[in-house]
PDB file of all heavy atoms in Angstrom:
ATOM      1  N   LEU A   1     136.770-314.682 -45.204  1.00  0.00           N
ATOM      2  CA  LEU A   1     135.719-314.177 -44.383  1.00  0.00           C
ATOM      3  C   LEU A   1     136.222-313.993 -42.951  1.00  0.00           C
ATOM      4  O   LEU A   1     136.034-312.917 -42.351  1.00  0.00           O
ATOM      5  CB  LEU A   1     134.577-315.138 -44.351  1.00  0.00           C
ATOM      6  CG  LEU A   1     133.311-314.744 -43.384  1.00  0.00           C
ATOM      7  CD1 LEU A   1     132.825-313.446 -43.817  1.00  0.00           C
ATOM      8  CD2 LEU A   1     132.359-315.869 -43.451  1.00  0.00           C
ATOM      9  N   LEU A   2     137.045-314.898 -42.437  1.00  0.00           N
ATOM     10  CA  LEU A   2     137.570-314.732 -41.109  1.00  0.00           C
ATOM     11  C   LEU A   2     138.485-313.575 -40.965  1.00  0.00           C
ATOM     12  O   LEU A   2     138.441-312.899 -40.004  1.00  0.00           O
ATOM     13  CB  LEU A   2     138.290-316.014 -40.716  1.00  0.00           C
ATOM     14  CG  LEU A   2     137.482-317.268 -40.419  1.00  0.00           C
ATOM     15  CD1 LEU A   2     138.343-318.569 -40.203  1.00  0.00           C
ATOM     16  CD2 LEU A   2     136.727-316.974 -39.105  1.00  0.00           C
ATOM     17  N   ILE A   3     139.318-313.341 -42.036  1.00  0.00           N
ATOM     18  CA  ILE A   3     140.155-312.155 -42.050  1.00  0.00           C
ATOM     19  C   ILE A   3     139.419-310.852 -41.936  1.00  0.00           C
ATOM     20  O   ILE A   3     139.698-309.962 -41.310  1.00  0.00           O
ATOM     21  CB  ILE A   3     141.093-312.133 -43.240  1.00  0.00           C
ATOM     22  CG1 ILE A   3     142.120-313.319 -43.064  1.00  0.00           C
ATOM     23  CG2 ILE A   3     141.825-310.874 -43.393  1.00  0.00           C
ATOM     24  CD1 ILE A   3     143.017-313.495 -44.409  1.00  0.00           C
ATOM     25  N   ALA A   4     138.326-310.918 -42.792  1.00  0.00           N
ATOM     26  CA  ALA A   4     137.429-309.633 -42.792  1.00  0.00           C
ATOM     27  C   ALA A   4     136.793-309.457 -41.441  1.00  0.00           C
ATOM     28  O   ALA A   4     136.741-308.312 -40.995  1.00  0.00           O
ATOM     29  CB  ALA A   4     136.337-309.799 -43.908  1.00  0.00           C
ATOM     30  N   LEU A   5     136.340-310.488 -40.793  1.00  0.00           N
ATOM     31  CA  LEU A   5     135.669-310.335 -39.545  1.00  0.00           C
ATOM     32  C   LEU A   5     136.724-309.902 -38.510  1.00  0.00           C
ATOM     33  O   LEU A   5     136.375-309.051 -37.641  1.00  0.00           O
ATOM     34  CB  LEU A   5     135.117-311.681 -39.054  1.00  0.00           C
ATOM     35  CG  LEU A   5     133.686-312.131 -39.741  1.00  0.00           C
ATOM     36  CD1 LEU A   5     133.433-313.531 -39.307  1.00  0.00           C
ATOM     37  CD2 LEU A   5     132.671-311.089 -39.379  1.00  0.00           C
ATOM     38  N   MET A   6     137.912-310.476 -38.535  1.00  0.00           N
ATOM     39  CA  MET A   6     138.906-310.078 -37.535  1.00  0.00           C
ATOM     40  C   MET A   6     139.326-308.575 -37.705  1.00  0.00           C
ATOM     41  O   MET A   6     139.481-307.864 -36.742  1.00  0.00           O
ATOM     42  CB  MET A   6     140.121-310.899 -37.708  1.00  0.00           C
ATOM     43  CG  MET A   6     139.915-312.399 -37.267  1.00  0.00           C
ATOM     44  SD  MET A   6     141.354-313.466 -37.622  1.00  0.00           S
ATOM     45  CE  MET A   6     142.627-312.712 -36.738  1.00  0.00           C
ATOM     46  N   SER A   7     139.360-308.170 -38.915  1.00  0.00           N
ATOM     47  CA  SER A   7     139.615-306.683 -39.216  1.00  0.00           C
ATOM     48  C   SER A   7     138.550-305.842 -38.711  1.00  0.00           C
ATOM     49  O   SER A   7     138.776-304.804 -38.150  1.00  0.00           O
ATOM     50  CB  SER A   7     139.806-306.569 -40.768  1.00  0.00           C
ATOM     51  OG  SER A   7     139.897-305.108 -41.070  1.00  0.00           O
ATOM     52  N   SER A   8     137.316-306.271 -38.918  1.00  0.00           N
ATOM     53  CA  SER A   8     136.138-305.512 -38.397  1.00  0.00           C
ATOM     54  C   SER A   8     136.067-305.360 -36.938  1.00  0.00           C
ATOM     55  O   SER A   8     135.803-304.330 -36.416  1.00  0.00           O
ATOM     56  CB  SER A   8     134.902-306.103 -39.030  1.00  0.00           C
ATOM     57  OG  SER A   8     133.648-305.433 -38.460  1.00  0.00           O
ATOM     58  N   PHE A   9     136.395-306.531 -36.242  1.00  0.00           N
ATOM     59  CA  PHE A   9     136.181-306.481 -34.860  1.00  0.00           C
ATOM     60  C   PHE A   9     137.436-305.943 -34.133  1.00  0.00           C
ATOM     61  O   PHE A   9     137.309-305.530 -32.959  1.00  0.00           O
ATOM     62  CB  PHE A   9     135.947-307.868 -34.288  1.00  0.00           C
ATOM     63  CG  PHE A   9     134.650-308.554 -34.723  1.00  0.00           C
ATOM     64  CD1 PHE A   9     134.561-309.705 -35.372  1.00  0.00           C
ATOM     65  CD2 PHE A   9     133.481-307.798 -34.464  1.00  0.00           C
ATOM     66  CE1 PHE A   9     133.331-310.167 -35.781  1.00  0.00           C
ATOM     67  CE2 PHE A   9     132.181-308.287 -34.805  1.00  0.00           C
ATOM     68  CZ  PHE A   9     132.149-309.525 -35.535  1.00  0.00           C
ATOM     69  N   SER A  10     138.624-305.904 -34.714  1.00  0.00           N
ATOM     70  CA  SER A  10     139.824-305.486 -34.108  1.00  0.00           C
ATOM     71  C   SER A  10     139.781-304.005 -33.733  1.00  0.00           C
ATOM     72  O   SER A  10     140.440-303.543 -32.730  1.00  0.00           O
ATOM     73  CB  SER A  10     141.085-305.643 -35.027  1.00  0.00           C
ATOM     74  OG  SER A  10     140.937-304.835 -36.161  1.00  0.00           O
ATOM     75  N   MET A  11     138.916-303.262 -34.400  1.00  0.00           N
ATOM     76  CA  MET A  11     138.813-301.788 -34.135  1.00  0.00           C
ATOM     77  C   MET A  11     137.948-301.498 -32.926  1.00  0.00           C
ATOM     78  O   MET A  11     137.963-300.455 -32.416  1.00  0.00           O
ATOM     79  CB  MET A  11     138.210-301.053 -35.308  1.00  0.00           C
ATOM     80  CG  MET A  11     136.765-301.461 -35.523  1.00  0.00           C
ATOM     81  SD  MET A  11     136.131-300.653 -37.041  1.00  0.00           S
ATOM     82  CE  MET A  11     134.437-301.069 -37.037  1.00  0.00           C
ATOM     83  N   ILE A  12     137.199-302.508 -32.322  1.00  0.00           N
ATOM     84  CA  ILE A  12     136.263-302.294 -31.370  1.00  0.00           C
ATOM     85  C   ILE A  12     136.890-301.902 -29.960  1.00  0.00           C
ATOM     86  O   ILE A  12     136.489-301.041 -29.302  1.00  0.00           O
ATOM     87  CB  ILE A  12     135.250-303.539 -31.172  1.00  0.00           C
ATOM     88  CG1 ILE A  12     134.464-303.655 -32.459  1.00  0.00           C
ATOM     89  CG2 ILE A  12     134.328-303.383 -30.018  1.00  0.00           C
ATOM     90  CD1 ILE A  12     133.691-304.919 -32.586  1.00  0.00           C
ATOM     91  N   ALA A  13     137.906-302.648 -29.604  1.00  0.00           N
ATOM     92  CA  ALA A  13     138.414-302.556 -28.240  1.00  0.00           C
ATOM     93  C   ALA A  13     139.523-301.514 -28.100  1.00  0.00           C
ATOM     94  O   ALA A  13     139.996-301.255 -26.957  1.00  0.00           O
ATOM     95  CB  ALA A  13     138.869-303.928 -27.736  1.00  0.00           C
ATOM     96  N   GLN A  14     140.019-300.910 -29.190  1.00  0.00           N
ATOM     97  CA  GLN A  14     141.104-299.960 -29.099  1.00  0.00           C
ATOM     98  C   GLN A  14     140.738-298.678 -28.438  1.00  0.00           C
ATOM     99  O   GLN A  14     139.501-298.381 -28.280  1.00  0.00           O
ATOM    100  CB  GLN A  14     141.732-299.764 -30.549  1.00  0.00           C
ATOM    101  CG  GLN A  14     142.234-301.023 -31.185  1.00  0.00           C
ATOM    102  CD  GLN A  14     142.656-300.830 -32.612  1.00  0.00           C
ATOM    103  OE1 GLN A  14     142.455-299.742 -33.153  1.00  0.00           O
ATOM    104  NE2 GLN A  14     143.082-301.868 -33.146  1.00  0.00           N
ATOM    105  N   SER A  15     141.707-297.814 -28.213  1.00  0.00           N
ATOM    106  CA  SER A  15     141.373-296.470 -27.789  1.00  0.00           C
ATOM    107  C   SER A  15     142.337-295.560 -28.395  1.00  0.00           C
ATOM    108  O   SER A  15     143.595-295.792 -28.523  1.00  0.00           O
ATOM    109  CB  SER A  15     141.595-296.409 -26.266  1.00  0.00           C
ATOM    110  OG  SER A  15     141.374-295.105 -25.765  1.00  0.00           O
ATOM    111  N   GLY A  16     141.868-294.408 -28.861  1.00  0.00           N
ATOM    112  CA  GLY A  16     142.680-293.409 -29.623  1.00  0.00           C
ATOM    113  C   GLY A  16     141.872-292.397 -30.344  1.00  0.00           C
ATOM    114  O   GLY A  16     140.771-292.095 -29.871  1.00  0.00           O
ATOM    115  N   ASN A  17     142.469-291.787 -31.424  1.00  0.00           N
ATOM    116  CA  ASN A  17     141.736-290.732 -32.143  1.00  0.00           C
ATOM    117  C   ASN A  17     141.153-291.282 -33.458  1.00  0.00           C
ATOM    118  O   ASN A  17     141.711-292.283 -34.030  1.00  0.00           O
ATOM    119  CB  ASN A  17     142.797-289.682 -32.533  1.00  0.00           C
ATOM    120  CG  ASN A  17     143.320-288.928 -31.294  1.00  0.00           C
ATOM    121  OD1 ASN A  17     142.603-288.898 -30.248  1.00  0.00           O
ATOM    122  ND2 ASN A  17     144.502-288.316 -31.351  1.00  0.00           N
ATOM    123  N   PHE A  18     140.090-290.620 -33.821  1.00  0.00           N
ATOM    124  CA  PHE A  18     139.597-290.939 -35.221  1.00  0.00           C
ATOM    125  C   PHE A  18     139.509-289.549 -35.918  1.00  0.00           C
ATOM    126  O   PHE A  18     139.473-288.549 -35.340  1.00  0.00           O
ATOM    127  CB  PHE A  18     138.168-291.576 -35.072  1.00  0.00           C
ATOM    128  CG  PHE A  18     137.056-290.618 -34.720  1.00  0.00           C
ATOM    129  CD1 PHE A  18     136.309-289.962 -35.736  1.00  0.00           C
ATOM    130  CD2 PHE A  18     136.847-290.317 -33.404  1.00  0.00           C
ATOM    131  CE1 PHE A  18     135.368-289.053 -35.387  1.00  0.00           C
ATOM    132  CE2 PHE A  18     135.776-289.423 -33.065  1.00  0.00           C
ATOM    133  CZ  PHE A  18     135.036-288.754 -34.001  1.00  0.00           C
ATOM    134  N   THR A  19     139.476-289.755 -37.264  1.00  0.00           N
ATOM    135  CA  THR A  19     139.335-288.512 -38.083  1.00  0.00           C
ATOM    136  C   THR A  19     138.091-288.645 -39.028  1.00  0.00           C
ATOM    137  O   THR A  19     137.863-289.773 -39.573  1.00  0.00           O
ATOM    138  CB  THR A  19     140.553-288.428 -38.970  1.00  0.00           C
ATOM    139  OG1 THR A  19     141.700-288.248 -38.151  1.00  0.00           O
ATOM    140  CG2 THR A  19     140.433-287.216 -39.915  1.00  0.00           C
ATOM    141  N   VAL A  20     137.344-287.664 -39.082  1.00  0.00           N
ATOM    142  CA  VAL A  20     136.218-287.500 -40.064  1.00  0.00           C
ATOM    143  C   VAL A  20     136.483-286.347 -40.940  1.00  0.00           C
ATOM    144  O   VAL A  20     136.790-285.251 -40.469  1.00  0.00           O
ATOM    145  CB  VAL A  20     134.886-287.545 -39.334  1.00  0.00           C
ATOM    146  CG1 VAL A  20     134.809-286.254 -38.422  1.00  0.00           C
ATOM    147  CG2 VAL A  20     133.713-287.515 -40.354  1.00  0.00           C
ATOM    148  N   SER A  21     136.199-286.519 -42.222  1.00  0.00           N
ATOM    149  CA  SER A  21     136.385-285.472 -43.191  1.00  0.00           C
ATOM    150  C   SER A  21     135.319-285.580 -44.287  1.00  0.00           C
ATOM    151  O   SER A  21     134.621-286.546 -44.375  1.00  0.00           O
ATOM    152  CB  SER A  21     137.804-285.470 -43.826  1.00  0.00           C
ATOM    153  OG  SER A  21     137.972-286.718 -44.497  1.00  0.00           O
ATOM    154  N   GLY A  22     135.257-284.500 -45.139  1.00  0.00           N
ATOM    155  CA  GLY A  22     134.300-284.584 -46.225  1.00  0.00           C
ATOM    156  C   GLY A  22     134.318-283.446 -47.142  1.00  0.00           C
ATOM    157  O   GLY A  22     134.875-282.363 -46.800  1.00  0.00           O
ATOM    158  N   LYS A  23     133.985-283.695 -48.368  1.00  0.00           N
ATOM    159  CA  LYS A  23     133.794-282.628 -49.384  1.00  0.00           C
ATOM    160  C   LYS A  23     132.360-282.762 -49.940  1.00  0.00           C
ATOM    161  O   LYS A  23     132.079-283.746 -50.635  1.00  0.00           O
ATOM    162  CB  LYS A  23     134.813-282.769 -50.518  1.00  0.00           C
ATOM    163  CG  LYS A  23     134.608-281.874 -51.724  1.00  0.00           C
ATOM    164  CD  LYS A  23     134.983-280.451 -51.413  1.00  0.00           C
ATOM    165  CE  LYS A  23     134.866-279.603 -52.685  1.00  0.00           C
ATOM    166  NZ  LYS A  23     135.144-278.192 -52.472  1.00  0.00           N
ATOM    167  N   ILE A  24     131.444-281.916 -49.464  1.00  0.00           N
ATOM    168  CA  ILE A  24     130.113-282.051 -49.728  1.00  0.00           C
ATOM    169  C   ILE A  24     129.458-280.865 -50.525  1.00  0.00           C
ATOM    170  O   ILE A  24     129.567-279.809 -50.135  1.00  0.00           O
ATOM    171  CB  ILE A  24     129.250-282.125 -48.367  1.00  0.00           C
ATOM    172  CG1 ILE A  24     129.974-283.152 -47.430  1.00  0.00           C
ATOM    173  CG2 ILE A  24     127.875-282.561 -48.674  1.00  0.00           C
ATOM    174  CD1 ILE A  24     129.902-284.569 -47.855  1.00  0.00           C
ATOM    175  N   LYS A  25     129.010-281.240 -51.728  1.00  0.00           N
ATOM    176  CA  LYS A  25     128.331-280.088 -52.522  1.00  0.00           C
ATOM    177  C   LYS A  25     127.148-279.615 -51.851  1.00  0.00           C
ATOM    178  O   LYS A  25     126.253-280.358 -51.278  1.00  0.00           O
ATOM    179  CB  LYS A  25     127.867-280.800 -53.843  1.00  0.00           C
ATOM    180  CG  LYS A  25     127.320-279.830 -54.847  1.00  0.00           C
ATOM    181  CD  LYS A  25     126.856-280.458 -56.110  1.00  0.00           C
ATOM    182  CE  LYS A  25     126.260-279.497 -57.082  1.00  0.00           C
ATOM    183  NZ  LYS A  25     125.768-280.233 -58.356  1.00  0.00           N
ATOM    184  N   GLY A  26     127.062-278.304 -51.732  1.00  0.00           N
ATOM    185  CA  GLY A  26     125.947-277.572 -51.137  1.00  0.00           C
ATOM    186  C   GLY A  26     126.112-277.382 -49.605  1.00  0.00           C
ATOM    187  O   GLY A  26     125.224-276.864 -48.939  1.00  0.00           O
ATOM    188  N   LEU A  27     127.256-277.703 -48.957  1.00  0.00           N
ATOM    189  CA  LEU A  27     127.534-277.570 -47.649  1.00  0.00           C
ATOM    190  C   LEU A  27     127.949-276.151 -47.418  1.00  0.00           C
ATOM    191  O   LEU A  27     129.145-275.778 -47.568  1.00  0.00           O
ATOM    192  CB  LEU A  27     128.585-278.498 -47.129  1.00  0.00           C
ATOM    193  CG  LEU A  27     128.929-278.420 -45.646  1.00  0.00           C
ATOM    194  CD1 LEU A  27     127.683-278.641 -44.702  1.00  0.00           C
ATOM    195  CD2 LEU A  27     130.013-279.454 -45.248  1.00  0.00           C
ATOM    196  N   ASP A  28     127.071-275.261 -47.142  1.00  0.00           N
ATOM    197  CA  ASP A  28     127.339-273.811 -47.131  1.00  0.00           C
ATOM    198  C   ASP A  28     127.224-273.205 -45.746  1.00  0.00           C
ATOM    199  O   ASP A  28     127.126-272.012 -45.524  1.00  0.00           O
ATOM    200  CB  ASP A  28     126.429-273.076 -48.086  1.00  0.00           C
ATOM    201  CG  ASP A  28     124.916-273.328 -47.790  1.00  0.00           C
ATOM    202  OD1 ASP A  28     124.570-274.012 -46.830  1.00  0.00           O
ATOM    203  OD2 ASP A  28     124.096-273.032 -48.724  1.00  0.00           O
ATOM    204  N   SER A  29     127.313-274.038 -44.659  1.00  0.00           N
ATOM    205  CA  SER A  29     127.282-273.538 -43.286  1.00  0.00           C
ATOM    206  C   SER A  29     128.696-273.183 -42.796  1.00  0.00           C
ATOM    207  O   SER A  29     129.717-273.593 -43.467  1.00  0.00           O
ATOM    208  CB  SER A  29     126.609-274.538 -42.327  1.00  0.00           C
ATOM    209  OG  SER A  29     127.357-275.698 -42.362  1.00  0.00           O
ATOM    210  N   GLU A  30     128.844-272.349 -41.729  1.00  0.00           N
ATOM    211  CA  GLU A  30     130.125-272.065 -41.284  1.00  0.00           C
ATOM    212  C   GLU A  30     130.754-273.190 -40.413  1.00  0.00           C
ATOM    213  O   GLU A  30     131.987-273.299 -40.237  1.00  0.00           O
ATOM    214  CB  GLU A  30     130.028-270.824 -40.421  1.00  0.00           C
ATOM    215  CG  GLU A  30     129.695-269.575 -41.225  1.00  0.00           C
ATOM    216  CD  GLU A  30     129.635-268.353 -40.409  1.00  0.00           C
ATOM    217  OE1 GLU A  30     129.934-268.383 -39.184  1.00  0.00           O
ATOM    218  OE2 GLU A  30     129.250-267.223 -40.856  1.00  0.00           O
ATOM    219  N   TYR A  31     129.910-273.965 -39.766  1.00  0.00           N
ATOM    220  CA  TYR A  31     130.400-275.040 -38.937  1.00  0.00           C
ATOM    221  C   TYR A  31     129.326-276.158 -38.805  1.00  0.00           C
ATOM    222  O   TYR A  31     128.193-276.001 -39.112  1.00  0.00           O
ATOM    223  CB  TYR A  31     130.849-274.505 -37.543  1.00  0.00           C
ATOM    224  CG  TYR A  31     129.586-274.115 -36.716  1.00  0.00           C
ATOM    225  CD1 TYR A  31     129.028-275.013 -35.820  1.00  0.00           C
ATOM    226  CD2 TYR A  31     129.022-272.849 -36.826  1.00  0.00           C
ATOM    227  CE1 TYR A  31     127.859-274.680 -35.021  1.00  0.00           C
ATOM    228  CE2 TYR A  31     127.888-272.543 -36.033  1.00  0.00           C
ATOM    229  CZ  TYR A  31     127.381-273.441 -35.162  1.00  0.00           C
ATOM    230  OH  TYR A  31     126.299-273.079 -34.488  1.00  0.00           O
ATOM    231  N   LEU A  32     129.907-277.329 -38.431  1.00  0.00           N
ATOM    232  CA  LEU A  32     129.014-278.556 -38.199  1.00  0.00           C
ATOM    233  C   LEU A  32     128.970-278.809 -36.665  1.00  0.00           C
ATOM    234  O   LEU A  32     129.922-278.433 -35.942  1.00  0.00           O
ATOM    235  CB  LEU A  32     129.588-279.783 -38.924  1.00  0.00           C
ATOM    236  CG  LEU A  32     129.976-279.656 -40.363  1.00  0.00           C
ATOM    237  CD1 LEU A  32     130.644-280.987 -40.844  1.00  0.00           C
ATOM    238  CD2 LEU A  32     128.729-279.384 -41.239  1.00  0.00           C
ATOM    239  N   SER A  33     127.842-279.266 -36.238  1.00  0.00           N
ATOM    240  CA  SER A  33     127.736-279.725 -34.761  1.00  0.00           C
ATOM    241  C   SER A  33     127.829-281.210 -34.679  1.00  0.00           C
ATOM    242  O   SER A  33     127.013-281.955 -35.186  1.00  0.00           O
ATOM    243  CB  SER A  33     126.495-279.147 -34.142  1.00  0.00           C
ATOM    244  OG  SER A  33     126.382-277.786 -34.203  1.00  0.00           O
ATOM    245  N   MET A  34     128.802-281.730 -34.041  1.00  0.00           N
ATOM    246  CA  MET A  34     129.068-283.202 -33.925  1.00  0.00           C
ATOM    247  C   MET A  34     128.787-283.663 -32.536  1.00  0.00           C
ATOM    248  O   MET A  34     129.240-283.097 -31.467  1.00  0.00           O
ATOM    249  CB  MET A  34     130.507-283.476 -34.328  1.00  0.00           C
ATOM    250  CG  MET A  34     130.809-285.052 -34.338  1.00  0.00           C
ATOM    251  SD  MET A  34     132.459-285.516 -34.834  1.00  0.00           S
ATOM    252  CE  MET A  34     133.474-284.944 -33.491  1.00  0.00           C
ATOM    253  N   TYR A  35     128.097-284.732 -32.411  1.00  0.00           N
ATOM    254  CA  TYR A  35     127.791-285.460 -31.140  1.00  0.00           C
ATOM    255  C   TYR A  35     128.306-286.881 -31.177  1.00  0.00           C
ATOM    256  O   TYR A  35     127.867-287.673 -32.073  1.00  0.00           O
ATOM    257  CB  TYR A  35     126.276-285.390 -30.843  1.00  0.00           C
ATOM    258  CG  TYR A  35     125.695-284.021 -30.622  1.00  0.00           C
ATOM    259  CD1 TYR A  35     125.370-283.223 -31.671  1.00  0.00           C
ATOM    260  CD2 TYR A  35     125.506-283.626 -29.350  1.00  0.00           C
ATOM    261  CE1 TYR A  35     124.883-281.888 -31.479  1.00  0.00           C
ATOM    262  CE2 TYR A  35     124.988-282.284 -29.040  1.00  0.00           C
ATOM    263  CZ  TYR A  35     124.646-281.466 -30.158  1.00  0.00           C
ATOM    264  OH  TYR A  35     124.237-280.221 -29.886  1.00  0.00           O
ATOM    265  N   ILE A  36     129.106-287.204 -30.253  1.00  0.00           N
ATOM    266  CA  ILE A  36     129.620-288.574 -30.109  1.00  0.00           C
ATOM    267  C   ILE A  36     128.869-289.131 -28.912  1.00  0.00           C
ATOM    268  O   ILE A  36     128.828-288.704 -27.824  1.00  0.00           O
ATOM    269  CB  ILE A  36     131.170-288.623 -29.705  1.00  0.00           C
ATOM    270  CG1 ILE A  36     131.935-287.878 -30.793  1.00  0.00           C
ATOM    271  CG2 ILE A  36     131.657-290.006 -29.579  1.00  0.00           C
ATOM    272  CD1 ILE A  36     133.380-287.738 -30.485  1.00  0.00           C
ATOM    273  N   TYR A  37     128.240-290.338 -29.176  1.00  0.00           N
ATOM    274  CA  TYR A  37     127.250-290.934 -28.231  1.00  0.00           C
ATOM    275  C   TYR A  37     127.935-292.177 -27.594  1.00  0.00           C
ATOM    276  O   TYR A  37     128.271-293.143 -28.201  1.00  0.00           O
ATOM    277  CB  TYR A  37     125.961-291.352 -28.839  1.00  0.00           C
ATOM    278  CG  TYR A  37     125.135-290.157 -29.241  1.00  0.00           C
ATOM    279  CD1 TYR A  37     125.213-289.687 -30.521  1.00  0.00           C
ATOM    280  CD2 TYR A  37     124.374-289.581 -28.333  1.00  0.00           C
ATOM    281  CE1 TYR A  37     124.457-288.611 -30.976  1.00  0.00           C
ATOM    282  CE2 TYR A  37     123.551-288.493 -28.712  1.00  0.00           C
ATOM    283  CZ  TYR A  37     123.640-287.997 -30.018  1.00  0.00           C
ATOM    284  OH  TYR A  37     122.901-286.855 -30.408  1.00  0.00           O
ATOM    285  N   ASP A  38     128.336-291.944 -26.257  1.00  0.00           N
ATOM    286  CA  ASP A  38     128.983-292.969 -25.554  1.00  0.00           C
ATOM    287  C   ASP A  38     128.589-292.749 -24.039  1.00  0.00           C
ATOM    288  O   ASP A  38     128.646-291.694 -23.518  1.00  0.00           O
ATOM    289  CB  ASP A  38     130.520-293.001 -25.676  1.00  0.00           C
ATOM    290  CG  ASP A  38     131.144-294.283 -25.078  1.00  0.00           C
ATOM    291  OD1 ASP A  38     131.395-294.184 -23.852  1.00  0.00           O
ATOM    292  OD2 ASP A  38     131.390-295.087 -25.889  1.00  0.00           O
ATOM    293  N   GLU A  39     128.309-293.903 -23.343  1.00  0.00           N
ATOM    294  CA  GLU A  39     127.907-293.800 -21.941  1.00  0.00           C
ATOM    295  C   GLU A  39     129.052-293.321 -21.012  1.00  0.00           C
ATOM    296  O   GLU A  39     128.739-292.935 -19.838  1.00  0.00           O
ATOM    297  CB  GLU A  39     127.416-295.178 -21.465  1.00  0.00           C
ATOM    298  CG  GLU A  39     126.000-295.573 -21.974  1.00  0.00           C
ATOM    299  CD  GLU A  39     125.526-296.798 -21.312  1.00  0.00           C
ATOM    300  OE1 GLU A  39     126.226-297.414 -20.522  1.00  0.00           O
ATOM    301  OE2 GLU A  39     124.305-297.113 -21.653  1.00  0.00           O
ATOM    302  N   SER A  40     130.265-293.346 -21.441  1.00  0.00           N
ATOM    303  CA  SER A  40     131.352-292.963 -20.624  1.00  0.00           C
ATOM    304  C   SER A  40     131.351-291.400 -20.462  1.00  0.00           C
ATOM    305  O   SER A  40     131.981-290.816 -19.565  1.00  0.00           O
ATOM    306  CB  SER A  40     132.730-293.321 -21.194  1.00  0.00           C
ATOM    307  OG  SER A  40     132.948-292.756 -22.483  1.00  0.00           O
ATOM    308  N   PHE A  41     130.603-290.636 -21.354  1.00  0.00           N
ATOM    309  CA  PHE A  41     130.563-289.178 -21.218  1.00  0.00           C
ATOM    310  C   PHE A  41     129.453-288.848 -20.189  1.00  0.00           C
ATOM    311  O   PHE A  41     128.457-289.591 -20.024  1.00  0.00           O
ATOM    312  CB  PHE A  41     130.254-288.551 -22.527  1.00  0.00           C
ATOM    313  CG  PHE A  41     131.294-288.817 -23.616  1.00  0.00           C
ATOM    314  CD1 PHE A  41     130.938-289.260 -24.869  1.00  0.00           C
ATOM    315  CD2 PHE A  41     132.658-288.716 -23.400  1.00  0.00           C
ATOM    316  CE1 PHE A  41     131.892-289.625 -25.789  1.00  0.00           C
ATOM    317  CE2 PHE A  41     133.628-288.884 -24.308  1.00  0.00           C
ATOM    318  CZ  PHE A  41     133.219-289.416 -25.578  1.00  0.00           C
TER     319      PHE A  41
END
């Protein structure tokens, strides 16, 4: 449990890039609109 918690919390303070991807049945639009919510913006 402690290892799982450390793994979960270790991602919180870092800084860098993330990747999001998907293969969605019925996704027939040309583009998606993504909003990242953070007070630093």
